[in-house]
Amino acid sequence: TKNTVDLRMDSLKPEDTAIYYCAAIIIGGRQCNRWLEYTSW
């Protein structure tokens, strides 16, 4: 309803340090772990 996606991160570790990006597969009917199909960033 708000068009938002959150990522809650607990128990963070130094190795989690990075730039974090959200990305979208904008075509319906696609499972989300098809990592190479993300085109919008």
PDB file of all heavy atoms in Angstrom:
ATOM      1  N   THR A   1       0.813  -1.207   0.000  1.00  0.00           N
ATOM      2  CA  THR A   1       0.000   0.000   0.000  1.00  0.00           C
ATOM      3  C   THR A   1       0.849   1.260   0.000  1.00  0.00           C
ATOM      4  O   THR A   1       0.413   2.301  -0.494  1.00  0.00           O
ATOM      5  CB  THR A   1      -0.954   0.023   1.197  1.00  0.00           C
ATOM      6  OG1 THR A   1      -0.221   0.092   2.422  1.00  0.00           O
ATOM      7  CG2 THR A   1      -1.825  -1.222   1.207  1.00  0.00           C
ATOM      8  N   LYS A   2       2.051   1.168   0.546  1.00  0.00           N
ATOM      9  CA  LYS A   2       2.960   2.306   0.594  1.00  0.00           C
ATOM     10  C   LYS A   2       4.059   2.231  -0.458  1.00  0.00           C
ATOM     11  O   LYS A   2       4.859   3.166  -0.574  1.00  0.00           O
ATOM     12  CB  LYS A   2       3.590   2.423   1.977  1.00  0.00           C
ATOM     13  CG  LYS A   2       2.600   2.675   3.095  1.00  0.00           C
ATOM     14  CD  LYS A   2       3.305   2.790   4.440  1.00  0.00           C
ATOM     15  CE  LYS A   2       2.326   3.059   5.554  1.00  0.00           C
ATOM     16  NZ  LYS A   2       3.011   3.151   6.876  1.00  0.00           N
ATOM     17  N   ASN A   3       4.127   1.121  -1.178  1.00  0.00           N
ATOM     18  CA  ASN A   3       5.178   0.902  -2.171  1.00  0.00           C
ATOM     19  C   ASN A   3       6.563   1.004  -1.545  1.00  0.00           C
ATOM     20  O   ASN A   3       7.467   1.661  -2.074  1.00  0.00           O
ATOM     21  CB  ASN A   3       5.049   1.880  -3.335  1.00  0.00           C
ATOM     22  CG  ASN A   3       3.867   1.583  -4.228  1.00  0.00           C
ATOM     23  OD1 ASN A   3       3.124   0.626  -4.020  1.00  0.00           O
ATOM     24  ND2 ASN A   3       3.675   2.416  -5.251  1.00  0.00           N
ATOM     25  N   THR A   4       6.721   0.346  -0.414  1.00  0.00           N
ATOM     26  CA  THR A   4       8.006   0.327   0.258  1.00  0.00           C
ATOM     27  C   THR A   4       8.407  -1.100   0.614  1.00  0.00           C
ATOM     28  O   THR A   4       7.558  -1.956   0.863  1.00  0.00           O
ATOM     29  CB  THR A   4       8.002   1.168   1.548  1.00  0.00           C
ATOM     30  OG1 THR A   4       7.000   0.683   2.441  1.00  0.00           O
ATOM     31  CG2 THR A   4       7.745   2.631   1.235  1.00  0.00           C
ATOM     32  N   VAL A   5       9.701  -1.331   0.646  1.00  0.00           N
ATOM     33  CA  VAL A   5      10.278  -2.588   1.108  1.00  0.00           C
ATOM     34  C   VAL A   5      11.353  -2.253   2.126  1.00  0.00           C
ATOM     35  O   VAL A   5      12.221  -1.419   1.860  1.00  0.00           O
ATOM     36  CB  VAL A   5      10.859  -3.414  -0.049  1.00  0.00           C
ATOM     37  CG1 VAL A   5      11.624  -4.622   0.492  1.00  0.00           C
ATOM     38  CG2 VAL A   5       9.755  -3.875  -0.989  1.00  0.00           C
ATOM     39  N   ASP A   6      11.286  -2.900   3.271  1.00  0.00           N
ATOM     40  CA  ASP A   6      12.251  -2.669   4.331  1.00  0.00           C
ATOM     41  C   ASP A   6      13.162  -3.869   4.497  1.00  0.00           C
ATOM     42  O   ASP A   6      12.781  -5.010   4.225  1.00  0.00           O
ATOM     43  CB  ASP A   6      11.551  -2.405   5.661  1.00  0.00           C
ATOM     44  CG  ASP A   6      10.873  -1.050   5.725  1.00  0.00           C
ATOM     45  OD1 ASP A   6      11.002  -0.270   4.767  1.00  0.00           O
ATOM     46  OD2 ASP A   6      10.217  -0.772   6.749  1.00  0.00           O
ATOM     47  N   LEU A   7      14.365  -3.602   4.942  1.00  0.00           N
ATOM     48  CA  LEU A   7      15.305  -4.649   5.327  1.00  0.00           C
ATOM     49  C   LEU A   7      15.743  -4.363   6.754  1.00  0.00           C
ATOM     50  O   LEU A   7      16.491  -3.414   6.997  1.00  0.00           O
ATOM     51  CB  LEU A   7      16.512  -4.691   4.388  1.00  0.00           C
ATOM     52  CG  LEU A   7      17.528  -5.796   4.678  1.00  0.00           C
ATOM     53  CD1 LEU A   7      16.928  -7.167   4.372  1.00  0.00           C
ATOM     54  CD2 LEU A   7      18.812  -5.579   3.880  1.00  0.00           C
ATOM     55  N   ARG A   8      15.243  -5.161   7.679  1.00  0.00           N
ATOM     56  CA  ARG A   8      15.637  -5.030   9.074  1.00  0.00           C
ATOM     57  C   ARG A   8      16.877  -5.873   9.316  1.00  0.00           C
ATOM     58  O   ARG A   8      16.893  -7.063   9.008  1.00  0.00           O
ATOM     59  CB  ARG A   8      14.500  -5.468  10.005  1.00  0.00           C
ATOM     60  CG  ARG A   8      14.791  -5.215  11.471  1.00  0.00           C
ATOM     61  CD  ARG A   8      13.621  -5.600  12.353  1.00  0.00           C
ATOM     62  NE  ARG A   8      13.446  -7.040  12.421  1.00  0.00           N
ATOM     63  CZ  ARG A   8      12.441  -7.699  11.876  1.00  0.00           C
ATOM     64  NH1 ARG A   8      11.498  -7.042  11.211  1.00  0.00           N
ATOM     65  NH2 ARG A   8      12.356  -9.011  11.991  1.00  0.00           N
ATOM     66  N   MET A   9      17.898  -5.262   9.850  1.00  0.00           N
ATOM     67  CA  MET A   9      19.176  -5.913  10.056  1.00  0.00           C
ATOM     68  C   MET A   9      19.510  -5.881  11.540  1.00  0.00           C
ATOM     69  O   MET A   9      19.665  -4.805  12.123  1.00  0.00           O
ATOM     70  CB  MET A   9      20.274  -5.221   9.242  1.00  0.00           C
ATOM     71  CG  MET A   9      19.964  -5.129   7.750  1.00  0.00           C
ATOM     72  SD  MET A   9      21.315  -4.392   6.792  1.00  0.00           S
ATOM     73  CE  MET A   9      21.300  -2.727   7.446  1.00  0.00           C
ATOM     74  N   ASP A  10      19.606  -7.056  12.123  1.00  0.00           N
ATOM     75  CA  ASP A  10      19.949  -7.204  13.532  1.00  0.00           C
ATOM     76  C   ASP A  10      21.283  -7.931  13.656  1.00  0.00           C
ATOM     77  O   ASP A  10      21.742  -8.592  12.728  1.00  0.00           O
ATOM     78  CB  ASP A  10      18.870  -7.982  14.282  1.00  0.00           C
ATOM     79  CG  ASP A  10      17.532  -7.284  14.320  1.00  0.00           C
ATOM     80  OD1 ASP A  10      17.508  -6.042  14.400  1.00  0.00           O
ATOM     81  OD2 ASP A  10      16.502  -7.986  14.280  1.00  0.00           O
ATOM     82  N   SER A  11      21.873  -7.836  14.831  1.00  0.00           N
ATOM     83  CA  SER A  11      23.136  -8.523  15.124  1.00  0.00           C
ATOM     84  C   SER A  11      24.169  -8.268  14.039  1.00  0.00           C
ATOM     85  O   SER A  11      24.825  -9.187  13.532  1.00  0.00           O
ATOM     86  CB  SER A  11      22.891 -10.029  15.292  1.00  0.00           C
ATOM     87  OG  SER A  11      21.975 -10.283  16.339  1.00  0.00           O
ATOM     88  N   LEU A  12      24.325  -7.016  13.686  1.00  0.00           N
ATOM     89  CA  LEU A  12      25.216  -6.662  12.589  1.00  0.00           C
ATOM     90  C   LEU A  12      26.670  -6.975  12.918  1.00  0.00           C
ATOM     91  O   LEU A  12      27.103  -6.868  14.074  1.00  0.00           O
ATOM     92  CB  LEU A  12      25.059  -5.188  12.252  1.00  0.00           C
ATOM     93  CG  LEU A  12      23.800  -4.856  11.441  1.00  0.00           C
ATOM     94  CD1 LEU A  12      23.493  -3.370  11.496  1.00  0.00           C
ATOM     95  CD2 LEU A  12      23.980  -5.307   9.990  1.00  0.00           C
ATOM     96  N   LYS A  13      27.383  -7.366  11.881  1.00  0.00           N
ATOM     97  CA  LYS A  13      28.784  -7.733  11.980  1.00  0.00           C
ATOM     98  C   LYS A  13      29.613  -6.812  11.096  1.00  0.00           C
ATOM     99  O   LYS A  13      29.103  -6.276  10.110  1.00  0.00           O
ATOM    100  CB  LYS A  13      28.990  -9.185  11.534  1.00  0.00           C
ATOM    101  CG  LYS A  13      28.153 -10.201  12.283  1.00  0.00           C
ATOM    102  CD  LYS A  13      28.321 -11.593  11.686  1.00  0.00           C
ATOM    103  CE  LYS A  13      27.483 -12.615  12.413  1.00  0.00           C
ATOM    104  NZ  LYS A  13      27.631 -13.967  11.816  1.00  0.00           N
ATOM    105  N   PRO A  14      30.893  -6.634  11.413  1.00  0.00           N
ATOM    106  CA  PRO A  14      31.732  -5.794  10.549  1.00  0.00           C
ATOM    107  C   PRO A  14      31.724  -6.235   9.094  1.00  0.00           C
ATOM    108  O   PRO A  14      31.805  -5.381   8.200  1.00  0.00           O
ATOM    109  CB  PRO A  14      33.125  -5.937  11.173  1.00  0.00           C
ATOM    110  CG  PRO A  14      32.848  -6.179  12.619  1.00  0.00           C
ATOM    111  CD  PRO A  14      31.606  -7.041  12.633  1.00  0.00           C
ATOM    112  N   GLU A  15      31.608  -7.518   8.836  1.00  0.00           N
ATOM    113  CA  GLU A  15      31.586  -7.989   7.462  1.00  0.00           C
ATOM    114  C   GLU A  15      30.310  -7.636   6.714  1.00  0.00           C
ATOM    115  O   GLU A  15      30.213  -7.862   5.504  1.00  0.00           O
ATOM    116  CB  GLU A  15      31.828  -9.507   7.393  1.00  0.00           C
ATOM    117  CG  GLU A  15      30.911 -10.319   8.288  1.00  0.00           C
ATOM    118  CD  GLU A  15      31.548 -10.677   9.614  1.00  0.00           C
ATOM    119  OE1 GLU A  15      32.186  -9.801  10.232  1.00  0.00           O
ATOM    120  OE2 GLU A  15      31.412 -11.847  10.043  1.00  0.00           O
ATOM    121  N   ASP A  16      29.321  -7.081   7.407  1.00  0.00           N
ATOM    122  CA  ASP A  16      28.130  -6.568   6.746  1.00  0.00           C
ATOM    123  C   ASP A  16      28.353  -5.181   6.160  1.00  0.00           C
ATOM    124  O   ASP A  16      27.472  -4.667   5.461  1.00  0.00           O
ATOM    125  CB  ASP A  16      26.949  -6.512   7.722  1.00  0.00           C
ATOM    126  CG  ASP A  16      26.511  -7.884   8.206  1.00  0.00           C
ATOM    127  OD1 ASP A  16      26.461  -8.821   7.383  1.00  0.00           O
ATOM    128  OD2 ASP A  16      26.198  -8.014   9.402  1.00  0.00           O
ATOM    129  N   THR A  17      29.480  -4.570   6.447  1.00  0.00           N
ATOM    130  CA  THR A  17      29.770  -3.232   5.937  1.00  0.00           C
ATOM    131  C   THR A  17      29.798  -3.234   4.417  1.00  0.00           C
ATOM    132  O   THR A  17      30.525  -4.012   3.794  1.00  0.00           O
ATOM    133  CB  THR A  17      31.108  -2.736   6.492  1.00  0.00           C
ATOM    134  OG1 THR A  17      31.013  -2.580   7.909  1.00  0.00           O
ATOM    135  CG2 THR A  17      31.486  -1.396   5.871  1.00  0.00           C
ATOM    136  N   ALA A  18      29.012  -2.368   3.818  1.00  0.00           N
ATOM    137  CA  ALA A  18      28.907  -2.303   2.363  1.00  0.00           C
ATOM    138  C   ALA A  18      27.959  -1.174   1.993  1.00  0.00           C
ATOM    139  O   ALA A  18      27.272  -0.608   2.848  1.00  0.00           O
ATOM    140  CB  ALA A  18      28.389  -3.625   1.786  1.00  0.00           C
ATOM    141  N   ILE A  19      27.918  -0.863   0.713  1.00  0.00           N
ATOM    142  CA  ILE A  19      26.837  -0.056   0.185  1.00  0.00           C
ATOM    143  C   ILE A  19      25.695  -0.997  -0.153  1.00  0.00           C
ATOM    144  O   ILE A  19      25.888  -1.988  -0.861  1.00  0.00           O
ATOM    145  CB  ILE A  19      27.266   0.728  -1.068  1.00  0.00           C
ATOM    146  CG1 ILE A  19      28.428   1.663  -0.737  1.00  0.00           C
ATOM    147  CG2 ILE A  19      26.096   1.532  -1.612  1.00  0.00           C
ATOM    148  CD1 ILE A  19      28.991   2.377  -1.948  1.00  0.00           C
ATOM    149  N   TYR A  20      24.530  -0.689   0.358  1.00  0.00           N
ATOM    150  CA  TYR A  20      23.353  -1.513   0.137  1.00  0.00           C
ATOM    151  C   TYR A  20      22.448  -0.858  -0.893  1.00  0.00           C
ATOM    152  O   TYR A  20      22.156   0.341  -0.806  1.00  0.00           O
ATOM    153  CB  TYR A  20      22.587  -1.727   1.445  1.00  0.00           C
ATOM    154  CG  TYR A  20      23.235  -2.739   2.348  1.00  0.00           C
ATOM    155  CD1 TYR A  20      24.429  -2.446   3.001  1.00  0.00           C
ATOM    156  CD2 TYR A  20      22.671  -3.995   2.539  1.00  0.00           C
ATOM    157  CE1 TYR A  20      25.040  -3.381   3.814  1.00  0.00           C
ATOM    158  CE2 TYR A  20      23.270  -4.932   3.362  1.00  0.00           C
ATOM    159  CZ  TYR A  20      24.459  -4.620   3.995  1.00  0.00           C
ATOM    160  OH  TYR A  20      25.054  -5.552   4.808  1.00  0.00           O
ATOM    161  N   TYR A  21      22.016  -1.642  -1.853  1.00  0.00           N
ATOM    162  CA  TYR A  21      21.161  -1.177  -2.930  1.00  0.00           C
ATOM    163  C   TYR A  21      19.853  -1.951  -2.929  1.00  0.00           C
ATOM    164  O   TYR A  21      19.836  -3.154  -2.678  1.00  0.00           O
ATOM    165  CB  TYR A  21      21.819  -1.396  -4.298  1.00  0.00           C
ATOM    166  CG  TYR A  21      23.149  -0.726  -4.498  1.00  0.00           C
ATOM    167  CD1 TYR A  21      24.327  -1.343  -4.103  1.00  0.00           C
ATOM    168  CD2 TYR A  21      23.224   0.524  -5.098  1.00  0.00           C
ATOM    169  CE1 TYR A  21      25.550  -0.739  -4.297  1.00  0.00           C
ATOM    170  CE2 TYR A  21      24.445   1.142  -5.303  1.00  0.00           C
ATOM    171  CZ  TYR A  21      25.601   0.502  -4.902  1.00  0.00           C
ATOM    172  OH  TYR A  21      26.814   1.114  -5.106  1.00  0.00           O
ATOM    173  N   CYS A  22      18.782  -1.279  -3.223  1.00  0.00           N
ATOM    174  CA  CYS A  22      17.578  -2.004  -3.579  1.00  0.00           C
ATOM    175  C   CYS A  22      17.432  -2.001  -5.090  1.00  0.00           C
ATOM    176  O   CYS A  22      17.904  -1.096  -5.782  1.00  0.00           O
ATOM    177  CB  CYS A  22      16.321  -1.445  -2.894  1.00  0.00           C
ATOM    178  SG  CYS A  22      15.818   0.220  -3.370  1.00  0.00           S
ATOM    179  N   ALA A  23      16.816  -3.038  -5.595  1.00  0.00           N
ATOM    180  CA  ALA A  23      16.656  -3.206  -7.027  1.00  0.00           C
ATOM    181  C   ALA A  23      15.324  -3.879  -7.301  1.00  0.00           C
ATOM    182  O   ALA A  23      14.730  -4.490  -6.413  1.00  0.00           O
ATOM    183  CB  ALA A  23      17.810  -4.034  -7.604  1.00  0.00           C
ATOM    184  N   ALA A  24      14.880  -3.771  -8.532  1.00  0.00           N
ATOM    185  CA  ALA A  24      13.559  -4.273  -8.874  1.00  0.00           C
ATOM    186  C   ALA A  24      13.575  -5.126 -10.134  1.00  0.00           C
ATOM    187  O   ALA A  24      14.282  -4.832 -11.097  1.00  0.00           O
ATOM    188  CB  ALA A  24      12.577  -3.123  -9.068  1.00  0.00           C
ATOM    189  N   ILE A  25      12.822  -6.207 -10.075  1.00  0.00           N
ATOM    190  CA  ILE A  25      12.334  -6.889 -11.262  1.00  0.00           C
ATOM    191  C   ILE A  25      10.932  -6.361 -11.465  1.00  0.00           C
ATOM    192  O   ILE A  25      10.062  -6.573 -10.621  1.00  0.00           O
ATOM    193  CB  ILE A  25      12.319  -8.416 -11.093  1.00  0.00           C
ATOM    194  CG1 ILE A  25      13.726  -8.946 -10.839  1.00  0.00           C
ATOM    195  CG2 ILE A  25      11.705  -9.088 -12.315  1.00  0.00           C
ATOM    196  CD1 ILE A  25      13.756 -10.422 -10.475  1.00  0.00           C
ATOM    197  N   ILE A  26      10.703  -5.669 -12.558  1.00  0.00           N
ATOM    198  CA  ILE A  26       9.435  -4.975 -12.738  1.00  0.00           C
ATOM    199  C   ILE A  26       8.426  -5.778 -13.541  1.00  0.00           C
ATOM    200  O   ILE A  26       7.283  -5.344 -13.703  1.00  0.00           O
ATOM    201  CB  ILE A  26       9.638  -3.593 -13.379  1.00  0.00           C
ATOM    202  CG1 ILE A  26      10.243  -3.731 -14.777  1.00  0.00           C
ATOM    203  CG2 ILE A  26      10.526  -2.733 -12.496  1.00  0.00           C
ATOM    204  CD1 ILE A  26      10.338  -2.408 -15.512  1.00  0.00           C
ATOM    205  N   ILE A  27       8.809  -6.944 -14.021  1.00  0.00           N
ATOM    206  CA  ILE A  27       7.903  -7.814 -14.751  1.00  0.00           C
ATOM    207  C   ILE A  27       7.293  -8.806 -13.780  1.00  0.00           C
ATOM    208  O   ILE A  27       7.997  -9.476 -13.025  1.00  0.00           O
ATOM    209  CB  ILE A  27       8.623  -8.549 -15.887  1.00  0.00           C
ATOM    210  CG1 ILE A  27       9.238  -7.552 -16.863  1.00  0.00           C
ATOM    211  CG2 ILE A  27       7.668  -9.484 -16.614  1.00  0.00           C
ATOM    212  CD1 ILE A  27      10.083  -8.196 -17.936  1.00  0.00           C
ATOM    213  N   GLY A  28       5.987  -8.913 -13.805  1.00  0.00           N
ATOM    214  CA  GLY A  28       5.306  -9.817 -12.906  1.00  0.00           C
ATOM    215  C   GLY A  28       5.563 -11.272 -13.238  1.00  0.00           C
ATOM    216  O   GLY A  28       5.958 -11.631 -14.348  1.00  0.00           O
ATOM    217  N   GLY A  29       5.339 -12.128 -12.238  1.00  0.00           N
ATOM    218  CA  GLY A  29       5.499 -13.551 -12.422  1.00  0.00           C
ATOM    219  C   GLY A  29       6.919 -14.059 -12.304  1.00  0.00           C
ATOM    220  O   GLY A  29       7.186 -15.200 -12.689  1.00  0.00           O
ATOM    221  N   ARG A  30       7.825 -13.252 -11.789  1.00  0.00           N
ATOM    222  CA  ARG A  30       9.216 -13.636 -11.631  1.00  0.00           C
ATOM    223  C   ARG A  30       9.528 -13.895 -10.161  1.00  0.00           C
ATOM    224  O   ARG A  30       9.220 -13.067  -9.310  1.00  0.00           O
ATOM    225  CB  ARG A  30      10.157 -12.562 -12.161  1.00  0.00           C
ATOM    226  CG  ARG A  30       9.975 -12.220 -13.636  1.00  0.00           C
ATOM    227  CD  ARG A  30      10.359 -13.388 -14.520  1.00  0.00           C
ATOM    228  NE  ARG A  30      10.537 -12.970 -15.905  1.00  0.00           N
ATOM    229  CZ  ARG A  30       9.559 -12.899 -16.805  1.00  0.00           C
ATOM    230  NH1 ARG A  30       8.318 -13.222 -16.470  1.00  0.00           N
ATOM    231  NH2 ARG A  30       9.826 -12.508 -18.043  1.00  0.00           N
ATOM    232  N   GLN A  31      10.147 -15.045  -9.877  1.00  0.00           N
ATOM    233  CA  GLN A  31      10.603 -15.290  -8.517  1.00  0.00           C
ATOM    234  C   GLN A  31      11.764 -14.365  -8.188  1.00  0.00           C
ATOM    235  O   GLN A  31      12.553 -13.985  -9.055  1.00  0.00           O
ATOM    236  CB  GLN A  31      11.000 -16.757  -8.331  1.00  0.00           C
ATOM    237  CG  GLN A  31      12.089 -17.246  -9.256  1.00  0.00           C
ATOM    238  CD  GLN A  31      12.341 -18.723  -9.089  1.00  0.00           C
ATOM    239  OE1 GLN A  31      13.073 -19.130  -8.189  1.00  0.00           O
ATOM    240  NE2 GLN A  31      11.720 -19.522  -9.935  1.00  0.00           N
ATOM    241  N   CYS A  32      11.879 -14.005  -6.917  1.00  0.00           N
ATOM    242  CA  CYS A  32      12.765 -12.903  -6.580  1.00  0.00           C
ATOM    243  C   CYS A  32      14.234 -13.277  -6.530  1.00  0.00           C
ATOM    244  O   CYS A  32      15.082 -12.385  -6.525  1.00  0.00           O
ATOM    245  CB  CYS A  32      12.332 -12.257  -5.255  1.00  0.00           C
ATOM    246  SG  CYS A  32      12.848 -13.126  -3.755  1.00  0.00           S
ATOM    247  N   ASN A  33      14.575 -14.567  -6.499  1.00  0.00           N
ATOM    248  CA  ASN A  33      15.976 -14.958  -6.421  1.00  0.00           C
ATOM    249  C   ASN A  33      16.621 -15.176  -7.789  1.00  0.00           C
ATOM    250  O   ASN A  33      17.694 -15.773  -7.876  1.00  0.00           O
ATOM    251  CB  ASN A  33      16.153 -16.201  -5.550  1.00  0.00           C
ATOM    252  CG  ASN A  33      15.467 -17.423  -6.115  1.00  0.00           C
ATOM    253  OD1 ASN A  33      14.601 -17.316  -6.991  1.00  0.00           O
ATOM    254  ND2 ASN A  33      15.834 -18.588  -5.610  1.00  0.00           N
ATOM    255  N   ARG A  34      16.020 -14.652  -8.823  1.00  0.00           N
ATOM    256  CA  ARG A  34      16.640 -14.649 -10.144  1.00  0.00           C
ATOM    257  C   ARG A  34      17.488 -13.377 -10.227  1.00  0.00           C
ATOM    258  O   ARG A  34      17.116 -12.372 -10.831  1.00  0.00           O
ATOM    259  CB  ARG A  34      15.571 -14.717 -11.227  1.00  0.00           C
ATOM    260  CG  ARG A  34      14.758 -16.014 -11.147  1.00  0.00           C
ATOM    261  CD  ARG A  34      13.570 -16.037 -12.081  1.00  0.00           C
ATOM    262  NE  ARG A  34      13.939 -16.027 -13.476  1.00  0.00           N
ATOM    263  CZ  ARG A  34      13.093 -16.267 -14.476  1.00  0.00           C
ATOM    264  NH1 ARG A  34      11.822 -16.546 -14.208  1.00  0.00           N
ATOM    265  NH2 ARG A  34      13.519 -16.220 -15.721  1.00  0.00           N
ATOM    266  N   TRP A  35      18.653 -13.445  -9.611  1.00  0.00           N
ATOM    267  CA  TRP A  35      19.440 -12.250  -9.324  1.00  0.00           C
ATOM    268  C   TRP A  35      19.884 -11.494 -10.563  1.00  0.00           C
ATOM    269  O   TRP A  35      20.043 -10.262 -10.519  1.00  0.00           O
ATOM    270  CB  TRP A  35      20.669 -12.622  -8.482  1.00  0.00           C
ATOM    271  CG  TRP A  35      20.329 -13.345  -7.224  1.00  0.00           C
ATOM    272  CD1 TRP A  35      20.537 -14.655  -6.943  1.00  0.00           C
ATOM    273  CD2 TRP A  35      19.691 -12.788  -6.063  1.00  0.00           C
ATOM    274  NE1 TRP A  35      20.088 -14.957  -5.672  1.00  0.00           N
ATOM    275  CE2 TRP A  35      19.565 -13.838  -5.118  1.00  0.00           C
ATOM    276  CE3 TRP A  35      19.230 -11.513  -5.727  1.00  0.00           C
ATOM    277  CZ2 TRP A  35      18.985 -13.639  -3.862  1.00  0.00           C
ATOM    278  CZ3 TRP A  35      18.654 -11.319  -4.481  1.00  0.00           C
ATOM    279  CH2 TRP A  35      18.531 -12.377  -3.567  1.00  0.00           C
ATOM    280  N   LEU A  36      20.096 -12.206 -11.646  1.00  0.00           N
ATOM    281  CA  LEU A  36      20.575 -11.559 -12.859  1.00  0.00           C
ATOM    282  C   LEU A  36      19.494 -10.786 -13.595  1.00  0.00           C
ATOM    283  O   LEU A  36      19.806 -10.076 -14.548  1.00  0.00           O
ATOM    284  CB  LEU A  36      21.204 -12.593 -13.795  1.00  0.00           C
ATOM    285  CG  LEU A  36      22.421 -13.347 -13.261  1.00  0.00           C
ATOM    286  CD1 LEU A  36      22.918 -14.346 -14.295  1.00  0.00           C
ATOM    287  CD2 LEU A  36      23.524 -12.371 -12.879  1.00  0.00           C
ATOM    288  N   GLU A  37      18.267 -10.899 -13.158  1.00  0.00           N
ATOM    289  CA  GLU A  37      17.165 -10.244 -13.853  1.00  0.00           C
ATOM    290  C   GLU A  37      16.793  -8.891 -13.261  1.00  0.00           C
ATOM    291  O   GLU A  37      15.853  -8.260 -13.739  1.00  0.00           O
ATOM    292  CB  GLU A  37      15.946 -11.165 -13.896  1.00  0.00           C
ATOM    293  CG  GLU A  37      16.189 -12.441 -14.696  1.00  0.00           C
ATOM    294  CD  GLU A  37      14.929 -13.246 -14.939  1.00  0.00           C
ATOM    295  OE1 GLU A  37      13.821 -12.736 -14.676  1.00  0.00           O
ATOM    296  OE2 GLU A  37      15.046 -14.394 -15.398  1.00  0.00           O
ATOM    297  N   TYR A  38      17.505  -8.445 -12.257  1.00  0.00           N
ATOM    298  CA  TYR A  38      17.253  -7.117 -11.704  1.00  0.00           C
ATOM    299  C   TYR A  38      17.851  -6.067 -12.628  1.00  0.00           C
ATOM    300  O   TYR A  38      19.048  -6.108 -12.943  1.00  0.00           O
ATOM    301  CB  TYR A  38      17.840  -6.996 -10.300  1.00  0.00           C
ATOM    302  CG  TYR A  38      17.039  -7.751  -9.273  1.00  0.00           C
ATOM    303  CD1 TYR A  38      17.266  -9.097  -9.030  1.00  0.00           C
ATOM    304  CD2 TYR A  38      16.045  -7.103  -8.546  1.00  0.00           C
ATOM    305  CE1 TYR A  38      16.509  -9.788  -8.100  1.00  0.00           C
ATOM    306  CE2 TYR A  38      15.294  -7.788  -7.609  1.00  0.00           C
ATOM    307  CZ  TYR A  38      15.526  -9.127  -7.389  1.00  0.00           C
ATOM    308  OH  TYR A  38      14.779  -9.808  -6.456  1.00  0.00           O
ATOM    309  N   THR A  39      17.032  -5.136 -13.047  1.00  0.00           N
ATOM    310  CA  THR A  39      17.457  -4.145 -14.026  1.00  0.00           C
ATOM    311  C   THR A  39      17.299  -2.707 -13.555  1.00  0.00           C
ATOM    312  O   THR A  39      17.875  -1.800 -14.160  1.00  0.00           O
ATOM    313  CB  THR A  39      16.682  -4.311 -15.337  1.00  0.00           C
ATOM    314  OG1 THR A  39      15.274  -4.212 -15.091  1.00  0.00           O
ATOM    315  CG2 THR A  39      16.983  -5.667 -15.971  1.00  0.00           C
ATOM    316  N   SER A  40      16.525  -2.459 -12.522  1.00  0.00           N
ATOM    317  CA  SER A  40      16.311  -1.117 -11.998  1.00  0.00           C
ATOM    318  C   SER A  40      16.921  -1.020 -10.614  1.00  0.00           C
ATOM    319  O   SER A  40      16.671  -1.878  -9.764  1.00  0.00           O
ATOM    320  CB  SER A  40      14.817  -0.782 -11.941  1.00  0.00           C
ATOM    321  OG  SER A  40      14.229  -0.838 -13.233  1.00  0.00           O
ATOM    322  N   TRP A  41      17.695   0.039 -10.399  1.00  0.00           N
ATOM    323  CA  TRP A  41      18.510   0.144  -9.190  1.00  0.00           C
ATOM    324  C   TRP A  41      18.380   1.500  -8.527  1.00  0.00           C
ATOM    325  O   TRP A  41      18.226   2.529  -9.190  1.00  0.00           O
ATOM    326  CB  TRP A  41      19.996  -0.081  -9.522  1.00  0.00           C
ATOM    327  CG  TRP A  41      20.281  -1.439 -10.065  1.00  0.00           C
ATOM    328  CD1 TRP A  41      20.148  -1.857 -11.355  1.00  0.00           C
ATOM    329  CD2 TRP A  41      20.741  -2.565  -9.321  1.00  0.00           C
ATOM    330  NE1 TRP A  41      20.496  -3.177 -11.460  1.00  0.00           N
ATOM    331  CE2 TRP A  41      20.870  -3.640 -10.221  1.00  0.00           C
ATOM    332  CE3 TRP A  41      21.062  -2.766  -7.986  1.00  0.00           C
ATOM    333  CZ2 TRP A  41      21.300  -4.895  -9.830  1.00  0.00           C
ATOM    334  CZ3 TRP A  41      21.489  -4.014  -7.587  1.00  0.00           C
ATOM    335  CH2 TRP A  41      21.606  -5.061  -8.508  1.00  0.00           C
TER     336      TRP A  41
END
